[in-house]
Amino acid sequence: MPDEYSSWMYYFFFEGNVILTKTKDMRDNMDIQRARQILNVDETITVLHHGSPIWIESVIPEDGTAMVKPVDGGEGVREVPVAELIEG
């Protein structure tokens, strides 16, 4: 797996004990330009919103959002910030 798709983890210690861990996904959040590119290509590109695969229906650059729907067809179309989308 390429380095840009790797993950790393924070460890917080208190008196020698791990008290909290937090993972960080190293994939970059999407920007408007990339969302538009994905919307306009003929191939299928996996895009995730909070870990769930979605289809981008349209991009609204004025407010930095996209209309998306789950790949499985549930929940219908909804507006989400493009910055919450991850190509994956």
PDB file of N, CA and C in Angstrom:
ATOM      1  N   MET A   1       0.845  -1.175   0.000  1.00  0.00           N
ATOM      2  CA  MET A   1       0.000   0.000   0.000  1.00  0.00           C
ATOM      3  C   MET A   1       0.894   1.243   0.000  1.00  0.00           C
ATOM      4  N   PRO A   2       0.640   2.231  -0.854  1.00  0.00           N
ATOM      5  CA  PRO A   2       1.471   3.434  -0.896  1.00  0.00           C
ATOM      6  C   PRO A   2       1.446   4.183   0.426  1.00  0.00           C
ATOM      7  N   ASP A   3       2.526   4.894   0.712  1.00  0.00           N
ATOM      8  CA  ASP A   3       2.641   5.625   1.966  1.00  0.00           C
ATOM      9  C   ASP A   3       1.520   6.637   2.184  1.00  0.00           C
ATOM     10  N   GLU A   4       1.019   7.277   1.102  1.00  0.00           N
ATOM     11  CA  GLU A   4      -0.009   8.284   1.286  1.00  0.00           C
ATOM     12  C   GLU A   4      -1.335   7.700   1.770  1.00  0.00           C
ATOM     13  N   TYR A   5      -1.470   6.376   1.772  1.00  0.00           N
ATOM     14  CA  TYR A   5      -2.681   5.746   2.264  1.00  0.00           C
ATOM     15  C   TYR A   5      -2.470   5.013   3.588  1.00  0.00           C
ATOM     16  N   SER A   6      -1.333   5.234   4.204  1.00  0.00           N
ATOM     17  CA  SER A   6      -1.070   4.574   5.477  1.00  0.00           C
ATOM     18  C   SER A   6      -1.740   5.340   6.614  1.00  0.00           C
ATOM     19  N   SER A   7      -1.782   4.730   7.767  1.00  0.00           N
ATOM     20  CA  SER A   7      -2.359   5.358   8.952  1.00  0.00           C
ATOM     21  C   SER A   7      -1.318   5.405  10.043  1.00  0.00           C
ATOM     22  N   TRP A   8      -1.521   6.277  10.997  1.00  0.00           N
ATOM     23  CA  TRP A   8      -0.655   6.328  12.156  1.00  0.00           C
ATOM     24  C   TRP A   8      -1.507   6.533  13.384  1.00  0.00           C
ATOM     25  N   MET A   9      -0.920   6.343  14.555  1.00  0.00           N
ATOM     26  CA  MET A   9      -1.693   6.377  15.787  1.00  0.00           C
ATOM     27  C   MET A   9      -0.985   7.241  16.817  1.00  0.00           C
ATOM     28  N   TYR A  10      -1.774   8.042  17.549  1.00  0.00           N
ATOM     29  CA  TYR A  10      -1.273   8.808  18.675  1.00  0.00           C
ATOM     30  C   TYR A  10      -1.383   7.952  19.928  1.00  0.00           C
ATOM     31  N   TYR A  11      -0.394   8.056  20.787  1.00  0.00           N
ATOM     32  CA  TYR A  11      -0.462   7.418  22.101  1.00  0.00           C
ATOM     33  C   TYR A  11      -0.285   8.502  23.150  1.00  0.00           C
ATOM     34  N   PHE A  12      -1.145   8.543  24.142  1.00  0.00           N
ATOM     35  CA  PHE A  12      -1.030   9.487  25.234  1.00  0.00           C
ATOM     36  C   PHE A  12      -0.747   8.697  26.496  1.00  0.00           C
ATOM     37  N   PHE A  13       0.246   9.123  27.242  1.00  0.00           N
ATOM     38  CA  PHE A  13       0.659   8.397  28.426  1.00  0.00           C
ATOM     39  C   PHE A  13       0.434   9.241  29.671  1.00  0.00           C
ATOM     40  N   PHE A  14       0.037   8.585  30.747  1.00  0.00           N
ATOM     41  CA  PHE A  14      -0.085   9.224  32.044  1.00  0.00           C
ATOM     42  C   PHE A  14       0.421   8.240  33.074  1.00  0.00           C
ATOM     43  N   GLU A  15       1.461   8.619  33.762  1.00  0.00           N
ATOM     44  CA  GLU A  15       2.080   7.761  34.770  1.00  0.00           C
ATOM     45  C   GLU A  15       2.378   6.364  34.228  1.00  0.00           C
ATOM     46  N   GLY A  16       2.906   6.331  33.000  1.00  0.00           N
ATOM     47  CA  GLY A  16       3.329   5.064  32.410  1.00  0.00           C
ATOM     48  C   GLY A  16       2.239   4.233  31.767  1.00  0.00           C
ATOM     49  N   ASN A  17       0.998   4.674  31.814  1.00  0.00           N
ATOM     50  CA  ASN A  17      -0.117   3.920  31.231  1.00  0.00           C
ATOM     51  C   ASN A  17      -0.656   4.641  29.998  1.00  0.00           C
ATOM     52  N   VAL A  18      -1.051   3.865  29.001  1.00  0.00           N
ATOM     53  CA  VAL A  18      -1.711   4.451  27.838  1.00  0.00           C
ATOM     54  C   VAL A  18      -3.123   4.824  28.267  1.00  0.00           C
ATOM     55  N   ILE A  19      -3.477   6.104  28.113  1.00  0.00           N
ATOM     56  CA  ILE A  19      -4.815   6.524  28.532  1.00  0.00           C
ATOM     57  C   ILE A  19      -5.742   6.826  27.359  1.00  0.00           C
ATOM     58  N   LEU A  20      -5.166   7.035  26.156  1.00  0.00           N
ATOM     59  CA  LEU A  20      -6.001   7.350  25.008  1.00  0.00           C
ATOM     60  C   LEU A  20      -5.213   7.067  23.747  1.00  0.00           C
ATOM     61  N   THR A  21      -5.856   6.469  22.782  1.00  0.00           N
ATOM     62  CA  THR A  21      -5.232   6.306  21.470  1.00  0.00           C
ATOM     63  C   THR A  21      -6.159   6.902  20.437  1.00  0.00           C
ATOM     64  N   LYS A  22      -5.576   7.448  19.411  1.00  0.00           N
ATOM     65  CA  LYS A  22      -6.376   8.015  18.330  1.00  0.00           C
ATOM     66  C   LYS A  22      -5.666   7.742  17.027  1.00  0.00           C
ATOM     67  N   THR A  23      -6.384   7.174  16.058  1.00  0.00           N
ATOM     68  CA  THR A  23      -5.782   6.914  14.760  1.00  0.00           C
ATOM     69  C   THR A  23      -6.039   8.085  13.828  1.00  0.00           C
ATOM     70  N   LYS A  24      -5.144   8.266  12.916  1.00  0.00           N
ATOM     71  CA  LYS A  24      -5.274   9.309  11.901  1.00  0.00           C
ATOM     72  C   LYS A  24      -5.082   8.663  10.551  1.00  0.00           C
ATOM     73  N   ASP A  25      -6.066   8.810   9.689  1.00  0.00           N
ATOM     74  CA  ASP A  25      -5.970   8.308   8.329  1.00  0.00           C
ATOM     75  C   ASP A  25      -5.180   9.328   7.529  1.00  0.00           C
ATOM     76  N   MET A  26      -4.112   8.874   6.873  1.00  0.00           N
ATOM     77  CA  MET A  26      -3.223   9.781   6.174  1.00  0.00           C
ATOM     78  C   MET A  26      -3.735  10.172   4.785  1.00  0.00           C
ATOM     79  N   ARG A  27      -4.823   9.605   4.322  1.00  0.00           N
ATOM     80  CA  ARG A  27      -5.365  10.023   3.034  1.00  0.00           C
ATOM     81  C   ARG A  27      -5.878  11.447   3.161  1.00  0.00           C
ATOM     82  N   ASP A  28      -5.669  12.240   2.137  1.00  0.00           N
ATOM     83  CA  ASP A  28      -6.090  13.638   2.179  1.00  0.00           C
ATOM     84  C   ASP A  28      -7.581  13.769   1.949  1.00  0.00           C
ATOM     85  N   ASN A  29      -8.158  14.724   2.649  1.00  0.00           N
ATOM     86  CA  ASN A  29      -9.550  15.058   2.380  1.00  0.00           C
ATOM     87  C   ASN A  29      -9.626  15.714   1.009  1.00  0.00           C
ATOM     88  N   MET A  30     -10.757  15.604   0.398  1.00  0.00           N
ATOM     89  CA  MET A  30     -10.940  16.048  -0.977  1.00  0.00           C
ATOM     90  C   MET A  30     -11.129  17.561  -1.053  1.00  0.00           C
ATOM     91  N   ASP A  31     -10.795  18.122  -2.220  1.00  0.00           N
ATOM     92  CA  ASP A  31     -11.096  19.520  -2.494  1.00  0.00           C
ATOM     93  C   ASP A  31     -12.077  19.589  -3.669  1.00  0.00           C
ATOM     94  N   ILE A  32     -12.592  20.781  -3.919  1.00  0.00           N
ATOM     95  CA  ILE A  32     -13.606  20.975  -4.968  1.00  0.00           C
ATOM     96  C   ILE A  32     -13.096  20.506  -6.326  1.00  0.00           C
ATOM     97  N   GLN A  33     -11.858  20.849  -6.660  1.00  0.00           N
ATOM     98  CA  GLN A  33     -11.318  20.484  -7.975  1.00  0.00           C
ATOM     99  C   GLN A  33     -11.310  18.975  -8.168  1.00  0.00           C
ATOM    100  N   ARG A  34     -10.853  18.227  -7.149  1.00  0.00           N
ATOM    101  CA  ARG A  34     -10.811  16.768  -7.288  1.00  0.00           C
ATOM    102  C   ARG A  34     -12.215  16.182  -7.339  1.00  0.00           C
ATOM    103  N   ALA A  35     -13.133  16.712  -6.568  1.00  0.00           N
ATOM    104  CA  ALA A  35     -14.523  16.227  -6.603  1.00  0.00           C
ATOM    105  C   ALA A  35     -15.111  16.405  -8.000  1.00  0.00           C
ATOM    106  N   ARG A  36     -14.836  17.546  -8.626  1.00  0.00           N
ATOM    107  CA  ARG A  36     -15.313  17.780 -10.001  1.00  0.00           C
ATOM    108  C   ARG A  36     -14.689  16.786 -10.977  1.00  0.00           C
ATOM    109  N   GLN A  37     -13.389  16.529 -10.824  1.00  0.00           N
ATOM    110  CA  GLN A  37     -12.726  15.571 -11.709  1.00  0.00           C
ATOM    111  C   GLN A  37     -13.375  14.199 -11.594  1.00  0.00           C
ATOM    112  N   ILE A  38     -13.604  13.750 -10.380  1.00  0.00           N
ATOM    113  CA  ILE A  38     -14.217  12.437 -10.157  1.00  0.00           C
ATOM    114  C   ILE A  38     -15.610  12.389 -10.763  1.00  0.00           C
ATOM    115  N   LEU A  39     -16.368  13.454 -10.603  1.00  0.00           N
ATOM    116  CA  LEU A  39     -17.723  13.522 -11.142  1.00  0.00           C
ATOM    117  C   LEU A  39     -17.731  13.399 -12.666  1.00  0.00           C
ATOM    118  N   ASN A  40     -16.685  13.887 -13.321  1.00  0.00           N
ATOM    119  CA  ASN A  40     -16.667  13.945 -14.782  1.00  0.00           C
ATOM    120  C   ASN A  40     -15.891  12.835 -15.474  1.00  0.00           C
ATOM    121  N   VAL A  41     -15.353  11.860 -14.743  1.00  0.00           N
ATOM    122  CA  VAL A  41     -14.638  10.764 -15.401  1.00  0.00           C
ATOM    123  C   VAL A  41     -15.592   9.615 -15.696  1.00  0.00           C
ATOM    124  N   ASP A  42     -15.220   8.798 -16.678  1.00  0.00           N
ATOM    125  CA  ASP A  42     -16.056   7.655 -17.054  1.00  0.00           C
ATOM    126  C   ASP A  42     -15.836   6.443 -16.144  1.00  0.00           C
ATOM    127  N   GLU A  43     -14.681   6.364 -15.507  1.00  0.00           N
ATOM    128  CA  GLU A  43     -14.385   5.214 -14.660  1.00  0.00           C
ATOM    129  C   GLU A  43     -14.983   5.401 -13.266  1.00  0.00           C
ATOM    130  N   THR A  44     -15.088   4.315 -12.526  1.00  0.00           N
ATOM    131  CA  THR A  44     -15.589   4.372 -11.161  1.00  0.00           C
ATOM    132  C   THR A  44     -14.424   4.595 -10.213  1.00  0.00           C
ATOM    133  N   ILE A  45     -14.532   5.636  -9.397  1.00  0.00           N
ATOM    134  CA  ILE A  45     -13.518   5.953  -8.396  1.00  0.00           C
ATOM    135  C   ILE A  45     -14.199   5.876  -7.038  1.00  0.00           C
ATOM    136  N   THR A  46     -13.617   5.142  -6.130  1.00  0.00           N
ATOM    137  CA  THR A  46     -14.192   4.985  -4.802  1.00  0.00           C
ATOM    138  C   THR A  46     -14.023   6.275  -4.011  1.00  0.00           C
ATOM    139  N   VAL A  47     -15.136   6.768  -3.466  1.00  0.00           N
ATOM    140  CA  VAL A  47     -15.126   7.945  -2.600  1.00  0.00           C
ATOM    141  C   VAL A  47     -15.871   7.567  -1.327  1.00  0.00           C
ATOM    142  N   LEU A  48     -15.313   7.964  -0.194  1.00  0.00           N
ATOM    143  CA  LEU A  48     -15.894   7.645   1.104  1.00  0.00           C
ATOM    144  C   LEU A  48     -16.337   8.907   1.821  1.00  0.00           C
ATOM    145  N   HIS A  49     -17.468   8.791   2.521  1.00  0.00           N
ATOM    146  CA  HIS A  49     -17.918   9.844   3.434  1.00  0.00           C
ATOM    147  C   HIS A  49     -18.086   9.188   4.792  1.00  0.00           C
ATOM    148  N   HIS A  50     -17.251   9.573   5.732  1.00  0.00           N
ATOM    149  CA  HIS A  50     -17.236   8.962   7.065  1.00  0.00           C
ATOM    150  C   HIS A  50     -17.131   7.441   6.973  1.00  0.00           C
ATOM    151  N   GLY A  51     -16.297   6.967   6.052  1.00  0.00           N
ATOM    152  CA  GLY A  51     -16.023   5.544   5.916  1.00  0.00           C
ATOM    153  C   GLY A  51     -16.994   4.770   5.043  1.00  0.00           C
ATOM    154  N   SER A  52     -18.072   5.389   4.602  1.00  0.00           N
ATOM    155  CA  SER A  52     -19.067   4.708   3.769  1.00  0.00           C
ATOM    156  C   SER A  52     -18.915   5.140   2.310  1.00  0.00           C
ATOM    157  N   PRO A  53     -18.961   4.187   1.367  1.00  0.00           N
ATOM    158  CA  PRO A  53     -18.834   4.544  -0.046  1.00  0.00           C
ATOM    159  C   PRO A  53     -20.054   5.319  -0.546  1.00  0.00           C
ATOM    160  N   ILE A  54     -19.770   6.379  -1.319  1.00  0.00           N
ATOM    161  CA  ILE A  54     -20.841   7.230  -1.850  1.00  0.00           C
ATOM    162  C   ILE A  54     -20.589   7.514  -3.327  1.00  0.00           C
ATOM    163  N   TRP A  55     -21.651   7.985  -4.006  1.00  0.00           N
ATOM    164  CA  TRP A  55     -21.563   8.523  -5.361  1.00  0.00           C
ATOM    165  C   TRP A  55     -21.668  10.030  -5.241  1.00  0.00           C
ATOM    166  N   ILE A  56     -20.852  10.763  -5.986  1.00  0.00           N
ATOM    167  CA  ILE A  56     -20.989  12.214  -6.059  1.00  0.00           C
ATOM    168  C   ILE A  56     -21.989  12.513  -7.171  1.00  0.00           C
ATOM    169  N   GLU A  57     -23.079  13.162  -6.824  1.00  0.00           N
ATOM    170  CA  GLU A  57     -24.127  13.513  -7.787  1.00  0.00           C
ATOM    171  C   GLU A  57     -23.864  14.881  -8.422  1.00  0.00           C
ATOM    172  N   SER A  58     -23.389  15.837  -7.620  1.00  0.00           N
ATOM    173  CA  SER A  58     -23.065  17.175  -8.117  1.00  0.00           C
ATOM    174  C   SER A  58     -22.157  17.860  -7.101  1.00  0.00           C
ATOM    175  N   VAL A  59     -21.481  18.905  -7.561  1.00  0.00           N
ATOM    176  CA  VAL A  59     -20.578  19.680  -6.712  1.00  0.00           C
ATOM    177  C   VAL A  59     -21.064  21.121  -6.696  1.00  0.00           C
ATOM    178  N   ILE A  60     -21.083  21.722  -5.516  1.00  0.00           N
ATOM    179  CA  ILE A  60     -21.530  23.104  -5.344  1.00  0.00           C
ATOM    180  C   ILE A  60     -20.325  23.909  -4.838  1.00  0.00           C
ATOM    181  N   PRO A  61     -19.515  24.448  -5.762  1.00  0.00           N
ATOM    182  CA  PRO A  61     -18.275  25.103  -5.357  1.00  0.00           C
ATOM    183  C   PRO A  61     -18.466  26.356  -4.508  1.00  0.00           C
ATOM    184  N   GLU A  62     -19.580  27.056  -4.678  1.00  0.00           N
ATOM    185  CA  GLU A  62     -19.813  28.292  -3.935  1.00  0.00           C
ATOM    186  C   GLU A  62     -19.813  28.090  -2.424  1.00  0.00           C
ATOM    187  N   ASP A  63     -20.300  26.945  -1.974  1.00  0.00           N
ATOM    188  CA  ASP A  63     -20.300  26.697  -0.530  1.00  0.00           C
ATOM    189  C   ASP A  63     -19.468  25.486  -0.130  1.00  0.00           C
ATOM    190  N   GLY A  64     -18.682  24.944  -1.068  1.00  0.00           N
ATOM    191  CA  GLY A  64     -17.763  23.852  -0.740  1.00  0.00           C
ATOM    192  C   GLY A  64     -18.436  22.546  -0.397  1.00  0.00           C
ATOM    193  N   THR A  65     -19.588  22.295  -0.995  1.00  0.00           N
ATOM    194  CA  THR A  65     -20.324  21.066  -0.694  1.00  0.00           C
ATOM    195  C   THR A  65     -20.558  20.241  -1.953  1.00  0.00           C
ATOM    196  N   ALA A  66     -21.023  19.028  -1.726  1.00  0.00           N
ATOM    197  CA  ALA A  66     -21.385  18.134  -2.830  1.00  0.00           C
ATOM    198  C   ALA A  66     -22.678  17.425  -2.457  1.00  0.00           C
ATOM    199  N   MET A  67     -23.466  17.130  -3.462  1.00  0.00           N
ATOM    200  CA  MET A  67     -24.648  16.302  -3.275  1.00  0.00           C
ATOM    201  C   MET A  67     -24.189  14.866  -3.498  1.00  0.00           C
ATOM    202  N   VAL A  68     -24.405  14.016  -2.510  1.00  0.00           N
ATOM    203  CA  VAL A  68     -23.927  12.634  -2.581  1.00  0.00           C
ATOM    204  C   VAL A  68     -25.045  11.676  -2.201  1.00  0.00           C
ATOM    205  N   LYS A  69     -24.893  10.422  -2.646  1.00  0.00           N
ATOM    206  CA  LYS A  69     -25.825   9.376  -2.210  1.00  0.00           C
ATOM    207  C   LYS A  69     -25.015   8.117  -1.945  1.00  0.00           C
ATOM    208  N   PRO A  70     -25.447   7.311  -0.983  1.00  0.00           N
ATOM    209  CA  PRO A  70     -24.742   6.076  -0.675  1.00  0.00           C
ATOM    210  C   PRO A  70     -24.739   5.130  -1.874  1.00  0.00           C
ATOM    211  N   VAL A  71     -23.659   4.412  -2.056  1.00  0.00           N
ATOM    212  CA  VAL A  71     -23.553   3.440  -3.146  1.00  0.00           C
ATOM    213  C   VAL A  71     -24.644   2.388  -3.031  1.00  0.00           C
ATOM    214  N   ASP A  72     -25.002   2.004  -1.800  1.00  0.00           N
ATOM    215  CA  ASP A  72     -26.026   0.970  -1.614  1.00  0.00           C
ATOM    216  C   ASP A  72     -27.447   1.486  -1.840  1.00  0.00           C
ATOM    217  N   GLY A  73     -27.597   2.790  -2.128  1.00  0.00           N
ATOM    218  CA  GLY A  73     -28.903   3.342  -2.444  1.00  0.00           C
ATOM    219  C   GLY A  73     -29.715   3.803  -1.254  1.00  0.00           C
ATOM    220  N   GLY A  74     -29.291   3.518  -0.037  1.00  0.00           N
ATOM    221  CA  GLY A  74     -30.025   3.947   1.146  1.00  0.00           C
ATOM    222  C   GLY A  74     -29.853   5.426   1.422  1.00  0.00           C
ATOM    223  N   GLU A  75     -30.710   5.980   2.241  1.00  0.00           N
ATOM    224  CA  GLU A  75     -30.666   7.348   2.751  1.00  0.00           C
ATOM    225  C   GLU A  75     -30.922   8.446   1.726  1.00  0.00           C
ATOM    226  N   GLY A  76     -30.943   8.183   0.452  1.00  0.00           N
ATOM    227  CA  GLY A  76     -31.187   9.211  -0.543  1.00  0.00           C
ATOM    228  C   GLY A  76     -30.021  10.179  -0.712  1.00  0.00           C
ATOM    229  N   VAL A  77     -30.258  11.250  -1.457  1.00  0.00           N
ATOM    230  CA  VAL A  77     -29.225  12.240  -1.755  1.00  0.00           C
ATOM    231  C   VAL A  77     -29.176  13.263  -0.621  1.00  0.00           C
ATOM    232  N   ARG A  78     -27.954  13.622  -0.205  1.00  0.00           N
ATOM    233  CA  ARG A  78     -27.797  14.641   0.830  1.00  0.00           C
ATOM    234  C   ARG A  78     -26.594  15.523   0.519  1.00  0.00           C
ATOM    235  N   GLU A  79     -26.571  16.708   1.088  1.00  0.00           N
ATOM    236  CA  GLU A  79     -25.488  17.660   0.883  1.00  0.00           C
ATOM    237  C   GLU A  79     -24.470  17.510   2.010  1.00  0.00           C
ATOM    238  N   VAL A  80     -23.181  17.371   1.640  1.00  0.00           N
ATOM    239  CA  VAL A  80     -22.110  17.230   2.629  1.00  0.00           C
ATOM    240  C   VAL A  80     -20.932  18.120   2.231  1.00  0.00           C
ATOM    241  N   PRO A  81     -20.114  18.529   3.194  1.00  0.00           N
ATOM    242  CA  PRO A  81     -18.911  19.293   2.862  1.00  0.00           C
ATOM    243  C   PRO A  81     -17.938  18.424   2.054  1.00  0.00           C
ATOM    244  N   VAL A  82     -17.408  18.967   0.974  1.00  0.00           N
ATOM    245  CA  VAL A  82     -16.448  18.229   0.151  1.00  0.00           C
ATOM    246  C   VAL A  82     -15.228  17.838   0.986  1.00  0.00           C
ATOM    247  N   ALA A  83     -14.848  18.659   1.951  1.00  0.00           N
ATOM    248  CA  ALA A  83     -13.692  18.366   2.797  1.00  0.00           C
ATOM    249  C   ALA A  83     -13.874  17.086   3.622  1.00  0.00           C
ATOM    250  N   GLU A  84     -15.109  16.593   3.766  1.00  0.00           N
ATOM    251  CA  GLU A  84     -15.368  15.345   4.493  1.00  0.00           C
ATOM    252  C   GLU A  84     -15.236  14.111   3.591  1.00  0.00           C
ATOM    253  N   LEU A  85     -15.044  14.320   2.295  1.00  0.00           N
ATOM    254  CA  LEU A  85     -14.914  13.202   1.343  1.00  0.00           C
ATOM    255  C   LEU A  85     -13.464  12.782   1.229  1.00  0.00           C
ATOM    256  N   ILE A  86     -13.255  11.471   1.113  1.00  0.00           N
ATOM    257  CA  ILE A  86     -11.922  10.909   0.969  1.00  0.00           C
ATOM    258  C   ILE A  86     -11.940   9.936  -0.204  1.00  0.00           C
ATOM    259  N   GLU A  87     -10.967  10.101  -1.083  1.00  0.00           N
ATOM    260  CA  GLU A  87     -10.823   9.165  -2.193  1.00  0.00           C
ATOM    261  C   GLU A  87     -10.172   7.915  -1.645  1.00  0.00           C
ATOM    262  N   GLY A  88     -10.794   6.788  -1.890  1.00  0.00           N
ATOM    263  CA  GLY A  88     -10.223   5.597  -1.283  1.00  0.00           C
ATOM    264  C   GLY A  88     -10.631   4.375  -1.955  1.00  0.00           C
TER     265      GLY A  88
END
